[in-house]
Amino acid sequence: MADSASTVHITHQCNMFATYGPVPKITITGVGGVKAFATSMGTVYLNAELDRTVRTLQLNNVLHIPESNRNLMSIPLWEEPVGCSAHFEDHQVVLTMNKTTQKAGIPIARGPKINSRLYRILFTLAPSPDSQSIEDVLCFSTTKTLVPWEVWHRRFGHISYSSLEKLAHSDLVVGLKVNMRSPQPDCIACIEGKQTEEPYGQVSEKETKVGQLTHTNLWGRYEIKSINGNHYYLLLVDNASRHVTIEFLKTKSQAAQKVKNYIEYLKARGASPCAIKMDRGTEFLNEDLRSWCHSQGMELQLTALYSLSQNAAAERMNCTLVELV
């Protein structure tokens, strides 16, 4: 990101530095809305490509801030050397430089505006000039082929083609270059892996208002615990809006209290919870949760054993979440 307001170059990737050294404690404000501290400083070399011409840029005094979530190039610092400048036109920034001050600057990179002061520019990491001579690398001809829809479908965890089209057409992912003319074939892995039973006939569900009916299901136990020590997650899906809520659990015994908290959350926001659909697991079907629901005037809709389709909203969402992970 080229930043027209930043007074320093910033990166959170220590592997970008050609030279690297510690610095006294420097406090930086405005990084993610909080104070951050630079741990080191060094030099970064970047390759900028424009109109099929690649030029190498040298950024000095780049601060390493691990807390930052992006790399920032300071436009004011870029303009300090003689012959370097930045021009803003048509909602984009154009970086220029030249070796002498007698001729106009040569455009070397450009990028679109992201917000009032940030511009996205694509650079690639360049090796230090001291690390290799010009004879070390030879490139006679290069081509970049566009990737078909089928490959991106696999790379993105087998998401739907319509979701991929939204990512591509809205330019939401840097580097998502798609061959728009390529076919979108049926994915055999998706068909065989996700269709676990013969299709059922059309089912008409009773209309409900938001918060009235909640589908719930517990997933786990995972053998490897999460960063916060959780082995399970509780899935809560609203029947009307299909809004998904996830609560992470350390033990199955915490599920009942999480369900209570969710119902109280709905009531505090004006909803009228009437029923909860769940399986017959002991984490749900216990005297504590049963008596509490009856005291609240709520119905427990229990599914039959080995009949996942009766709680399809929660079971399908489980497949979506776990398979993408």
C-alpha atoms as a PDB file:
ATOM      1  CA  MET A   1       0.000   0.000   0.000  1.00  0.00           C
ATOM      2  CA  ALA A   2       1.330   3.439  -0.954  1.00  0.00           C
ATOM      3  CA  ASP A   3       0.315   5.824   1.840  1.00  0.00           C
ATOM      4  CA  SER A   4       0.166   9.559   1.178  1.00  0.00           C
ATOM      5  CA  ALA A   5      -0.018  10.318   4.930  1.00  0.00           C
ATOM      6  CA  SER A   6       2.587   7.940   6.355  1.00  0.00           C
ATOM      7  CA  THR A   7       5.947   9.413   7.341  1.00  0.00           C
ATOM      8  CA  VAL A   8       7.824   6.057   7.367  1.00  0.00           C
ATOM      9  CA  HIS A   9       8.062   2.879   5.317  1.00  0.00           C
ATOM     10  CA  ILE A  10       6.634  -0.104   7.236  1.00  0.00           C
ATOM     11  CA  THR A  11       6.634  -3.870   6.739  1.00  0.00           C
ATOM     12  CA  HIS A  12       5.569  -6.787   8.930  1.00  0.00           C
ATOM     13  CA  GLN A  13       7.664  -9.335   6.989  1.00  0.00           C
ATOM     14  CA  CYS A  14      11.237  -9.669   8.215  1.00  0.00           C
ATOM     15  CA  ASN A  15      12.219 -11.786   5.172  1.00  0.00           C
ATOM     16  CA  MET A  16      11.890  -8.730   2.912  1.00  0.00           C
ATOM     17  CA  PHE A  17      15.002  -7.013   4.252  1.00  0.00           C
ATOM     18  CA  ALA A  18      18.295  -6.999   2.357  1.00  0.00           C
ATOM     19  CA  THR A  19      19.986  -5.304   5.336  1.00  0.00           C
ATOM     20  CA  TYR A  20      18.590  -5.572   8.837  1.00  0.00           C
ATOM     21  CA  GLY A  21      19.551  -4.140  12.205  1.00  0.00           C
ATOM     22  CA  PRO A  22      18.031  -3.312  15.598  1.00  0.00           C
ATOM     23  CA  VAL A  23      16.868   0.198  16.433  1.00  0.00           C
ATOM     24  CA  PRO A  24      16.059   1.985  19.692  1.00  0.00           C
ATOM     25  CA  LYS A  25      12.457   1.651  20.792  1.00  0.00           C
ATOM     26  CA  ILE A  26      10.354   3.689  18.346  1.00  0.00           C
ATOM     27  CA  THR A  27       6.636   4.201  18.969  1.00  0.00           C
ATOM     28  CA  ILE A  28       4.472   4.329  15.846  1.00  0.00           C
ATOM     29  CA  THR A  29       0.881   5.552  15.986  1.00  0.00           C
ATOM     30  CA  GLY A  30      -1.865   4.838  13.497  1.00  0.00           C
ATOM     31  CA  VAL A  31      -0.969   1.170  12.829  1.00  0.00           C
ATOM     32  CA  GLY A  32      -4.280  -0.622  13.136  1.00  0.00           C
ATOM     33  CA  GLY A  33      -5.603   2.202  15.314  1.00  0.00           C
ATOM     34  CA  VAL A  34      -3.234   1.415  18.188  1.00  0.00           C
ATOM     35  CA  LYS A  35       0.343   2.161  19.206  1.00  0.00           C
ATOM     36  CA  ALA A  36       2.954  -0.201  17.803  1.00  0.00           C
ATOM     37  CA  PHE A  37       6.698  -0.550  18.230  1.00  0.00           C
ATOM     38  CA  ALA A  38       9.370  -0.954  15.583  1.00  0.00           C
ATOM     39  CA  THR A  39      11.831  -3.737  16.390  1.00  0.00           C
ATOM     40  CA  SER A  40      14.338  -3.232  13.580  1.00  0.00           C
ATOM     41  CA  MET A  41      15.187  -1.191  10.523  1.00  0.00           C
ATOM     42  CA  GLY A  42      16.752  -2.012   7.174  1.00  0.00           C
ATOM     43  CA  THR A  43      16.780  -1.728   3.408  1.00  0.00           C
ATOM     44  CA  VAL A  44      14.243  -3.336   1.075  1.00  0.00           C
ATOM     45  CA  TYR A  45      14.617  -3.790  -2.684  1.00  0.00           C
ATOM     46  CA  LEU A  46      11.443  -4.068  -4.773  1.00  0.00           C
ATOM     47  CA  ASN A  47      10.772  -4.723  -8.440  1.00  0.00           C
ATOM     48  CA  ALA A  48       8.136  -2.533 -10.106  1.00  0.00           C
ATOM     49  CA  GLU A  49       6.766  -3.536 -13.502  1.00  0.00           C
ATOM     50  CA  LEU A  50       5.011  -1.080 -15.813  1.00  0.00           C
ATOM     51  CA  ASP A  51       4.496  -1.391 -19.561  1.00  0.00           C
ATOM     52  CA  ARG A  52       6.547  -4.633 -19.576  1.00  0.00           C
ATOM     53  CA  THR A  53       9.553  -2.830 -18.083  1.00  0.00           C
ATOM     54  CA  VAL A  54      10.875  -3.904 -14.675  1.00  0.00           C
ATOM     55  CA  ARG A  55      12.769  -1.433 -12.496  1.00  0.00           C
ATOM     56  CA  THR A  56      14.296  -2.001  -9.070  1.00  0.00           C
ATOM     57  CA  LEU A  57      13.499   0.382  -6.226  1.00  0.00           C
ATOM     58  CA  GLN A  58      15.557   0.804  -3.056  1.00  0.00           C
ATOM     59  CA  LEU A  59      13.668   1.783   0.098  1.00  0.00           C
ATOM     60  CA  ASN A  60      15.900   2.845   2.992  1.00  0.00           C
ATOM     61  CA  ASN A  61      15.107   2.991   6.707  1.00  0.00           C
ATOM     62  CA  VAL A  62      12.161   0.613   6.428  1.00  0.00           C
ATOM     63  CA  LEU A  63      10.771  -0.191   9.898  1.00  0.00           C
ATOM     64  CA  HIS A  64       9.896  -3.747  10.875  1.00  0.00           C
ATOM     65  CA  ILE A  65       6.610  -3.707  12.852  1.00  0.00           C
ATOM     66  CA  PRO A  66       5.271  -7.244  13.418  1.00  0.00           C
ATOM     67  CA  GLU A  67       1.915  -5.884  14.683  1.00  0.00           C
ATOM     68  CA  SER A  68       1.162  -4.270  11.314  1.00  0.00           C
ATOM     69  CA  ASN A  69      -1.110  -6.228   8.978  1.00  0.00           C
ATOM     70  CA  ARG A  70       0.169  -4.688   5.734  1.00  0.00           C
ATOM     71  CA  ASN A  71       3.210  -3.215   4.042  1.00  0.00           C
ATOM     72  CA  LEU A  72       3.155   0.584   3.728  1.00  0.00           C
ATOM     73  CA  MET A  73       5.239   2.665   1.357  1.00  0.00           C
ATOM     74  CA  SER A  74       5.437   6.318   2.411  1.00  0.00           C
ATOM     75  CA  ILE A  75       4.795   8.601  -0.560  1.00  0.00           C
ATOM     76  CA  PRO A  76       6.352  11.639   1.221  1.00  0.00           C
ATOM     77  CA  LEU A  77       9.563   9.641   1.776  1.00  0.00           C
ATOM     78  CA  TRP A  78       9.509   8.461  -1.841  1.00  0.00           C
ATOM     79  CA  GLU A  79       9.496  12.058  -3.033  1.00  0.00           C
ATOM     80  CA  GLU A  80      12.467  13.110  -0.891  1.00  0.00           C
ATOM     81  CA  PRO A  81      15.255  11.907  -3.260  1.00  0.00           C
ATOM     82  CA  VAL A  82      15.962  14.220  -6.192  1.00  0.00           C
ATOM     83  CA  GLY A  83      14.095  13.084  -9.302  1.00  0.00           C
ATOM     84  CA  CYS A  84      11.444  10.977  -7.532  1.00  0.00           C
ATOM     85  CA  SER A  85       7.824  12.094  -7.446  1.00  0.00           C
ATOM     86  CA  ALA A  86       4.245  10.904  -7.241  1.00  0.00           C
ATOM     87  CA  HIS A  87       1.286  12.122  -9.283  1.00  0.00           C
ATOM     88  CA  PHE A  88      -2.390  11.574  -8.482  1.00  0.00           C
ATOM     89  CA  GLU A  89      -4.748  11.236 -11.418  1.00  0.00           C
ATOM     90  CA  ASP A  90      -7.993   9.400 -12.233  1.00  0.00           C
ATOM     91  CA  HIS A  91      -8.239   7.888  -8.741  1.00  0.00           C
ATOM     92  CA  GLN A  92      -4.761   6.387  -8.934  1.00  0.00           C
ATOM     93  CA  VAL A  93      -1.178   7.220  -8.048  1.00  0.00           C
ATOM     94  CA  VAL A  94       1.739   7.159 -10.491  1.00  0.00           C
ATOM     95  CA  LEU A  95       5.294   6.873  -9.139  1.00  0.00           C
ATOM     96  CA  THR A  96       8.053   8.368 -11.295  1.00  0.00           C
ATOM     97  CA  MET A  97      11.824   8.632 -11.091  1.00  0.00           C
ATOM     98  CA  ASN A  98      14.821   9.536 -13.280  1.00  0.00           C
ATOM     99  CA  LYS A  99      18.591   9.701 -12.847  1.00  0.00           C
ATOM    100  CA  THR A 100      18.895  13.350 -13.846  1.00  0.00           C
ATOM    101  CA  THR A 101      16.753  16.343 -13.023  1.00  0.00           C
ATOM    102  CA  GLN A 102      16.874  17.765 -16.561  1.00  0.00           C
ATOM    103  CA  LYS A 103      14.168  15.486 -17.999  1.00  0.00           C
ATOM    104  CA  ALA A 104      10.687  14.557 -16.886  1.00  0.00           C
ATOM    105  CA  GLY A 105      10.256  11.654 -14.514  1.00  0.00           C
ATOM    106  CA  ILE A 106       9.705   8.193 -15.988  1.00  0.00           C
ATOM    107  CA  PRO A 107       6.581   6.376 -14.714  1.00  0.00           C
ATOM    108  CA  ILE A 108       7.636   3.158 -13.006  1.00  0.00           C
ATOM    109  CA  ALA A 109       4.555   2.040 -11.071  1.00  0.00           C
ATOM    110  CA  ARG A 110       0.895   2.868 -10.678  1.00  0.00           C
ATOM    111  CA  GLY A 111      -1.991   1.712  -8.509  1.00  0.00           C
ATOM    112  CA  PRO A 112      -5.677   2.420  -7.817  1.00  0.00           C
ATOM    113  CA  LYS A 113      -7.007   4.360  -4.827  1.00  0.00           C
ATOM    114  CA  ILE A 114      -8.358   2.216  -1.990  1.00  0.00           C
ATOM    115  CA  ASN A 115      -9.535   5.032   0.267  1.00  0.00           C
ATOM    116  CA  SER A 116      -8.751   8.694   0.891  1.00  0.00           C
ATOM    117  CA  ARG A 117      -5.005   8.149   1.341  1.00  0.00           C
ATOM    118  CA  LEU A 118      -4.142   4.546   0.422  1.00  0.00           C
ATOM    119  CA  TYR A 119      -3.209   3.262  -3.034  1.00  0.00           C
ATOM    120  CA  ARG A 120      -2.615  -0.402  -3.887  1.00  0.00           C
ATOM    121  CA  ILE A 121       0.536  -1.064  -5.925  1.00  0.00           C
ATOM    122  CA  LEU A 122       1.831  -4.514  -6.827  1.00  0.00           C
ATOM    123  CA  PHE A 123       5.573  -4.987  -6.211  1.00  0.00           C
ATOM    124  CA  THR A 124       7.688  -8.117  -6.147  1.00  0.00           C
ATOM    125  CA  LEU A 125      10.611  -8.675  -3.817  1.00  0.00           C
ATOM    126  CA  ALA A 126      13.963  -8.047  -5.503  1.00  0.00           C
ATOM    127  CA  PRO A 127      17.292  -9.540  -4.376  1.00  0.00           C
ATOM    128  CA  SER A 128      19.997  -7.295  -3.004  1.00  0.00           C
ATOM    129  CA  PRO A 129      22.369  -6.037  -5.726  1.00  0.00           C
ATOM    130  CA  ASP A 130      25.257  -7.326  -3.613  1.00  0.00           C
ATOM    131  CA  SER A 131      23.876 -10.853  -3.534  1.00  0.00           C
ATOM    132  CA  GLN A 132      24.325 -11.621  -7.226  1.00  0.00           C
ATOM    133  CA  SER A 133      25.864 -10.251 -10.378  1.00  0.00           C
ATOM    134  CA  ILE A 134      23.940  -9.506 -13.529  1.00  0.00           C
ATOM    135  CA  GLU A 135      25.169 -12.773 -15.066  1.00  0.00           C
ATOM    136  CA  ASP A 136      23.508 -14.813 -12.325  1.00  0.00           C
ATOM    137  CA  VAL A 137      20.016 -14.475 -13.771  1.00  0.00           C
ATOM    138  CA  LEU A 138      19.095 -14.672 -17.454  1.00  0.00           C
ATOM    139  CA  CYS A 139      15.556 -14.493 -18.796  1.00  0.00           C
ATOM    140  CA  PHE A 140      15.082 -14.778 -22.541  1.00  0.00           C
ATOM    141  CA  SER A 141      11.289 -15.089 -22.754  1.00  0.00           C
ATOM    142  CA  THR A 142       8.471 -15.280 -20.244  1.00  0.00           C
ATOM    143  CA  THR A 143       4.735 -15.762 -20.536  1.00  0.00           C
ATOM    144  CA  LYS A 144       1.973 -15.615 -17.951  1.00  0.00           C
ATOM    145  CA  THR A 145      -1.032 -17.816 -18.677  1.00  0.00           C
ATOM    146  CA  LEU A 146      -4.436 -17.134 -17.176  1.00  0.00           C
ATOM    147  CA  VAL A 147      -5.710 -19.826 -14.808  1.00  0.00           C
ATOM    148  CA  PRO A 148      -9.037 -21.525 -15.689  1.00  0.00           C
ATOM    149  CA  TRP A 149     -12.110 -21.509 -13.429  1.00  0.00           C
ATOM    150  CA  GLU A 150     -11.697 -25.194 -12.575  1.00  0.00           C
ATOM    151  CA  VAL A 151      -8.235 -24.647 -11.012  1.00  0.00           C
ATOM    152  CA  TRP A 152      -9.374 -21.651  -8.923  1.00  0.00           C
ATOM    153  CA  HIS A 153     -12.357 -23.725  -7.765  1.00  0.00           C
ATOM    154  CA  ARG A 154      -9.951 -26.276  -6.258  1.00  0.00           C
ATOM    155  CA  ARG A 155      -7.550 -23.651  -4.870  1.00  0.00           C
ATOM    156  CA  PHE A 156     -10.342 -21.931  -2.950  1.00  0.00           C
ATOM    157  CA  GLY A 157     -11.517 -25.064  -1.155  1.00  0.00           C
ATOM    158  CA  HIS A 158     -14.102 -26.101  -3.776  1.00  0.00           C
ATOM    159  CA  ILE A 159     -16.340 -23.047  -3.373  1.00  0.00           C
ATOM    160  CA  SER A 160     -19.056 -22.420  -5.950  1.00  0.00           C
ATOM    161  CA  TYR A 161     -18.326 -20.852  -9.327  1.00  0.00           C
ATOM    162  CA  SER A 162     -20.742 -18.013  -8.534  1.00  0.00           C
ATOM    163  CA  SER A 163     -18.671 -17.101  -5.456  1.00  0.00           C
ATOM    164  CA  LEU A 164     -15.496 -17.175  -7.570  1.00  0.00           C
ATOM    165  CA  GLU A 165     -17.099 -14.890 -10.134  1.00  0.00           C
ATOM    166  CA  LYS A 166     -17.952 -12.410  -7.389  1.00  0.00           C
ATOM    167  CA  LEU A 167     -14.326 -12.413  -6.174  1.00  0.00           C
ATOM    168  CA  ALA A 168     -12.995 -11.916  -9.698  1.00  0.00           C
ATOM    169  CA  HIS A 169     -15.458  -9.311 -11.003  1.00  0.00           C
ATOM    170  CA  SER A 170     -15.321  -7.204  -7.816  1.00  0.00           C
ATOM    171  CA  ASP A 171     -11.490  -7.388  -7.731  1.00  0.00           C
ATOM    172  CA  LEU A 172     -11.540  -8.626  -4.114  1.00  0.00           C
ATOM    173  CA  VAL A 173      -8.395 -10.776  -4.367  1.00  0.00           C
ATOM    174  CA  VAL A 174      -5.005  -9.560  -5.570  1.00  0.00           C
ATOM    175  CA  GLY A 175      -3.586 -11.949  -8.166  1.00  0.00           C
ATOM    176  CA  LEU A 176      -6.870 -13.699  -8.990  1.00  0.00           C
ATOM    177  CA  LYS A 177      -6.338 -13.820 -12.742  1.00  0.00           C
ATOM    178  CA  VAL A 178      -8.983 -15.981 -14.411  1.00  0.00           C
ATOM    179  CA  ASN A 179      -9.416 -17.117 -17.974  1.00  0.00           C
ATOM    180  CA  MET A 180     -12.981 -15.852 -18.346  1.00  0.00           C
ATOM    181  CA  ARG A 181     -13.526 -18.007 -21.451  1.00  0.00           C
ATOM    182  CA  SER A 182     -12.589 -21.251 -19.728  1.00  0.00           C
ATOM    183  CA  PRO A 183     -15.413 -23.725 -18.945  1.00  0.00           C
ATOM    184  CA  GLN A 184     -16.925 -24.300 -15.508  1.00  0.00           C
ATOM    185  CA  PRO A 185     -17.246 -28.100 -15.446  1.00  0.00           C
ATOM    186  CA  ASP A 186     -19.020 -30.070 -12.738  1.00  0.00           C
ATOM    187  CA  CYS A 187     -16.574 -31.043 -10.017  1.00  0.00           C
ATOM    188  CA  ILE A 188     -16.613 -34.823  -9.483  1.00  0.00           C
ATOM    189  CA  ALA A 189     -15.090 -34.474  -6.005  1.00  0.00           C
ATOM    190  CA  CYS A 190     -17.873 -32.072  -4.925  1.00  0.00           C
ATOM    191  CA  ILE A 191     -20.612 -34.318  -6.309  1.00  0.00           C
ATOM    192  CA  GLU A 192     -19.272 -37.520  -4.733  1.00  0.00           C
ATOM    193  CA  GLY A 193     -18.129 -35.960  -1.464  1.00  0.00           C
ATOM    194  CA  LYS A 194     -21.117 -33.753  -0.629  1.00  0.00           C
ATOM    195  CA  GLN A 195     -24.051 -35.845  -1.863  1.00  0.00           C
ATOM    196  CA  THR A 196     -24.021 -38.465   0.888  1.00  0.00           C
ATOM    197  CA  GLU A 197     -27.605 -39.674   0.384  1.00  0.00           C
ATOM    198  CA  GLU A 198     -30.194 -39.923  -2.366  1.00  0.00           C
ATOM    199  CA  PRO A 199     -31.999 -36.598  -2.862  1.00  0.00           C
ATOM    200  CA  TYR A 200     -35.233 -36.140  -0.930  1.00  0.00           C
ATOM    201  CA  GLY A 201     -38.395 -34.714  -2.396  1.00  0.00           C
ATOM    202  CA  GLN A 202     -39.311 -31.061  -2.068  1.00  0.00           C
ATOM    203  CA  VAL A 203     -39.985 -30.168   1.576  1.00  0.00           C
ATOM    204  CA  SER A 204     -42.098 -27.183   2.523  1.00  0.00           C
ATOM    205  CA  GLU A 205     -41.063 -25.600   5.813  1.00  0.00           C
ATOM    206  CA  LYS A 206     -43.353 -23.441   7.894  1.00  0.00           C
ATOM    207  CA  GLU A 207     -42.478 -19.779   7.713  1.00  0.00           C
ATOM    208  CA  THR A 208     -40.936 -18.408  10.881  1.00  0.00           C
ATOM    209  CA  LYS A 209     -39.824 -15.019  12.077  1.00  0.00           C
ATOM    210  CA  VAL A 210     -36.229 -14.229  12.977  1.00  0.00           C
ATOM    211  CA  GLY A 211     -35.329 -15.829  16.304  1.00  0.00           C
ATOM    212  CA  GLN A 212     -38.363 -18.127  16.613  1.00  0.00           C
ATOM    213  CA  LEU A 213     -36.678 -21.396  15.608  1.00  0.00           C
ATOM    214  CA  THR A 214     -32.979 -22.162  16.054  1.00  0.00           C
ATOM    215  CA  HIS A 215     -31.152 -25.188  14.597  1.00  0.00           C
ATOM    216  CA  THR A 216     -28.235 -26.268  16.771  1.00  0.00           C
ATOM    217  CA  ASN A 217     -25.519 -28.875  16.554  1.00  0.00           C
ATOM    218  CA  LEU A 218     -22.266 -29.695  18.352  1.00  0.00           C
ATOM    219  CA  TRP A 219     -19.100 -30.540  16.391  1.00  0.00           C
ATOM    220  CA  GLY A 220     -16.077 -32.307  17.863  1.00  0.00           C
ATOM    221  CA  ARG A 221     -14.061 -33.658  19.551  1.00  0.00           C
ATOM    222  CA  TYR A 222     -11.047 -32.418  17.609  1.00  0.00           C
ATOM    223  CA  GLU A 223      -7.838 -34.209  18.547  1.00  0.00           C
ATOM    224  CA  ILE A 224      -5.770 -31.018  18.236  1.00  0.00           C
ATOM    225  CA  LYS A 225      -7.013 -28.206  20.445  1.00  0.00           C
ATOM    226  CA  SER A 226      -7.208 -24.627  19.209  1.00  0.00           C
ATOM    227  CA  ILE A 227      -5.019 -21.718  20.317  1.00  0.00           C
ATOM    228  CA  ASN A 228      -7.434 -21.021  23.185  1.00  0.00           C
ATOM    229  CA  GLY A 229      -7.660 -24.680  24.212  1.00  0.00           C
ATOM    230  CA  ASN A 230     -11.012 -25.526  22.569  1.00  0.00           C
ATOM    231  CA  HIS A 231     -11.923 -28.998  21.292  1.00  0.00           C
ATOM    232  CA  TYR A 232     -15.529 -28.362  20.176  1.00  0.00           C
ATOM    233  CA  TYR A 233     -17.742 -25.744  18.585  1.00  0.00           C
ATOM    234  CA  LEU A 234     -21.472 -25.164  18.939  1.00  0.00           C
ATOM    235  CA  LEU A 235     -23.339 -24.174  15.779  1.00  0.00           C
ATOM    236  CA  LEU A 236     -26.556 -22.102  16.012  1.00  0.00           C
ATOM    237  CA  VAL A 237     -28.478 -21.333  12.795  1.00  0.00           C
ATOM    238  CA  ASP A 238     -31.583 -19.128  12.692  1.00  0.00           C
ATOM    239  CA  ASN A 239     -34.302 -20.807  10.630  1.00  0.00           C
ATOM    240  CA  ALA A 240     -35.690 -17.624   9.039  1.00  0.00           C
ATOM    241  CA  SER A 241     -32.552 -15.627   8.201  1.00  0.00           C
ATOM    242  CA  ARG A 242     -30.043 -18.538   8.149  1.00  0.00           C
ATOM    243  CA  HIS A 243     -27.739 -16.315  10.228  1.00  0.00           C
ATOM    244  CA  VAL A 244     -24.941 -18.444  11.708  1.00  0.00           C
ATOM    245  CA  THR A 245     -23.522 -18.124  15.220  1.00  0.00           C
ATOM    246  CA  ILE A 246     -20.537 -20.185  16.404  1.00  0.00           C
ATOM    247  CA  GLU A 247     -19.442 -20.685  20.005  1.00  0.00           C
ATOM    248  CA  PHE A 248     -16.165 -22.482  20.760  1.00  0.00           C
ATOM    249  CA  LEU A 249     -16.102 -24.898  23.715  1.00  0.00           C
ATOM    250  CA  LYS A 250     -13.459 -26.627  25.782  1.00  0.00           C
ATOM    251  CA  THR A 251     -15.868 -29.373  26.931  1.00  0.00           C
ATOM    252  CA  LYS A 252     -19.262 -30.663  25.777  1.00  0.00           C
ATOM    253  CA  SER A 253     -20.784 -29.747  29.137  1.00  0.00           C
ATOM    254  CA  GLN A 254     -20.523 -26.048  28.229  1.00  0.00           C
ATOM    255  CA  ALA A 255     -23.029 -26.447  25.357  1.00  0.00           C
ATOM    256  CA  ALA A 256     -26.182 -26.059  27.483  1.00  0.00           C
ATOM    257  CA  GLN A 257     -25.060 -22.748  28.980  1.00  0.00           C
ATOM    258  CA  LYS A 258     -24.081 -21.426  25.520  1.00  0.00           C
ATOM    259  CA  VAL A 259     -27.591 -22.241  24.252  1.00  0.00           C
ATOM    260  CA  LYS A 260     -29.104 -20.348  27.191  1.00  0.00           C
ATOM    261  CA  ASN A 261     -26.867 -17.350  26.530  1.00  0.00           C
ATOM    262  CA  TYR A 262     -27.925 -17.313  22.870  1.00  0.00           C
ATOM    263  CA  ILE A 263     -31.638 -17.384  23.736  1.00  0.00           C
ATOM    264  CA  GLU A 264     -31.184 -14.545  26.236  1.00  0.00           C
ATOM    265  CA  TYR A 265     -29.302 -12.626  23.542  1.00  0.00           C
ATOM    266  CA  LEU A 266     -32.270 -12.969  21.176  1.00  0.00           C
ATOM    267  CA  LYS A 267     -34.768 -11.870  23.820  1.00  0.00           C
ATOM    268  CA  ALA A 268     -32.708  -8.786  24.690  1.00  0.00           C
ATOM    269  CA  ARG A 269     -33.012  -7.722  21.041  1.00  0.00           C
ATOM    270  CA  GLY A 270     -36.761  -8.077  20.762  1.00  0.00           C
ATOM    271  CA  ALA A 271     -36.983 -11.582  19.272  1.00  0.00           C
ATOM    272  CA  SER A 272     -39.437 -14.206  20.547  1.00  0.00           C
ATOM    273  CA  PRO A 273     -37.655 -17.592  20.697  1.00  0.00           C
ATOM    274  CA  CYS A 274     -40.188 -20.434  20.492  1.00  0.00           C
ATOM    275  CA  ALA A 275     -38.261 -23.612  19.720  1.00  0.00           C
ATOM    276  CA  ILE A 276     -34.829 -25.201  19.392  1.00  0.00           C
ATOM    277  CA  LYS A 277     -34.179 -28.098  17.007  1.00  0.00           C
ATOM    278  CA  MET A 278     -31.400 -30.447  18.154  1.00  0.00           C
ATOM    279  CA  ASP A 279     -30.300 -34.053  18.154  1.00  0.00           C
ATOM    280  CA  ARG A 280     -30.514 -36.376  21.155  1.00  0.00           C
ATOM    281  CA  GLY A 281     -26.953 -35.870  22.388  1.00  0.00           C
ATOM    282  CA  THR A 282     -26.567 -35.720  26.159  1.00  0.00           C
ATOM    283  CA  GLU A 283     -25.014 -32.264  25.900  1.00  0.00           C
ATOM    284  CA  PHE A 284     -28.512 -31.043  24.920  1.00  0.00           C
ATOM    285  CA  LEU A 285     -30.923 -33.676  26.191  1.00  0.00           C
ATOM    286  CA  ASN A 286     -30.316 -33.208  29.926  1.00  0.00           C
ATOM    287  CA  GLU A 287     -32.527 -32.143  32.785  1.00  0.00           C
ATOM    288  CA  ASP A 288     -30.822 -28.769  33.165  1.00  0.00           C
ATOM    289  CA  LEU A 289     -31.516 -27.547  29.621  1.00  0.00           C
ATOM    290  CA  ARG A 290     -34.894 -29.286  29.368  1.00  0.00           C
ATOM    291  CA  SER A 291     -36.298 -27.697  32.541  1.00  0.00           C
ATOM    292  CA  TRP A 292     -34.888 -24.284  31.622  1.00  0.00           C
ATOM    293  CA  CYS A 293     -36.522 -24.351  28.160  1.00  0.00           C
ATOM    294  CA  HIS A 294     -39.861 -25.414  29.652  1.00  0.00           C
ATOM    295  CA  SER A 295     -39.649 -22.527  32.147  1.00  0.00           C
ATOM    296  CA  GLN A 296     -39.141 -20.162  29.215  1.00  0.00           C
ATOM    297  CA  GLY A 297     -42.102 -21.623  27.321  1.00  0.00           C
ATOM    298  CA  MET A 298     -39.831 -23.022  24.609  1.00  0.00           C
ATOM    299  CA  GLU A 299     -40.241 -26.283  22.719  1.00  0.00           C
ATOM    300  CA  LEU A 300     -37.419 -28.783  22.226  1.00  0.00           C
ATOM    301  CA  GLN A 301     -37.716 -30.313  18.757  1.00  0.00           C
ATOM    302  CA  LEU A 302     -35.671 -33.522  18.878  1.00  0.00           C
ATOM    303  CA  THR A 303     -34.580 -35.341  15.729  1.00  0.00           C
ATOM    304  CA  ALA A 304     -34.809 -39.086  15.260  1.00  0.00           C
ATOM    305  CA  LEU A 305     -31.662 -41.157  15.671  1.00  0.00           C
ATOM    306  CA  TYR A 306     -29.435 -41.322  12.564  1.00  0.00           C
ATOM    307  CA  SER A 307     -31.680 -38.842  10.699  1.00  0.00           C
ATOM    308  CA  LEU A 308     -29.394 -35.930   9.919  1.00  0.00           C
ATOM    309  CA  SER A 309     -31.790 -34.592   7.295  1.00  0.00           C
ATOM    310  CA  GLN A 310     -34.260 -33.591  10.018  1.00  0.00           C
ATOM    311  CA  ASN A 311     -31.790 -30.952  11.176  1.00  0.00           C
ATOM    312  CA  ALA A 312     -30.478 -30.202   7.698  1.00  0.00           C
ATOM    313  CA  ALA A 313     -29.806 -26.480   8.210  1.00  0.00           C
ATOM    314  CA  ALA A 314     -27.218 -27.157  10.929  1.00  0.00           C
ATOM    315  CA  GLU A 315     -25.766 -30.284   9.324  1.00  0.00           C
ATOM    316  CA  ARG A 316     -25.226 -28.606   5.945  1.00  0.00           C
ATOM    317  CA  MET A 317     -23.543 -25.636   7.585  1.00  0.00           C
ATOM    318  CA  ASN A 318     -21.233 -28.030   9.440  1.00  0.00           C
ATOM    319  CA  CYS A 319     -20.181 -29.514   6.102  1.00  0.00           C
ATOM    320  CA  THR A 320     -19.599 -26.062   4.643  1.00  0.00           C
ATOM    321  CA  LEU A 321     -17.440 -24.888   7.544  1.00  0.00           C
ATOM    322  CA  VAL A 322     -15.395 -28.038   8.118  1.00  0.00           C
ATOM    323  CA  GLU A 323     -14.713 -28.792   4.443  1.00  0.00           C
ATOM    324  CA  LEU A 324     -13.541 -25.249   3.747  1.00  0.00           C
ATOM    325  CA  VAL A 325     -11.248 -25.366   6.793  1.00  0.00           C
END
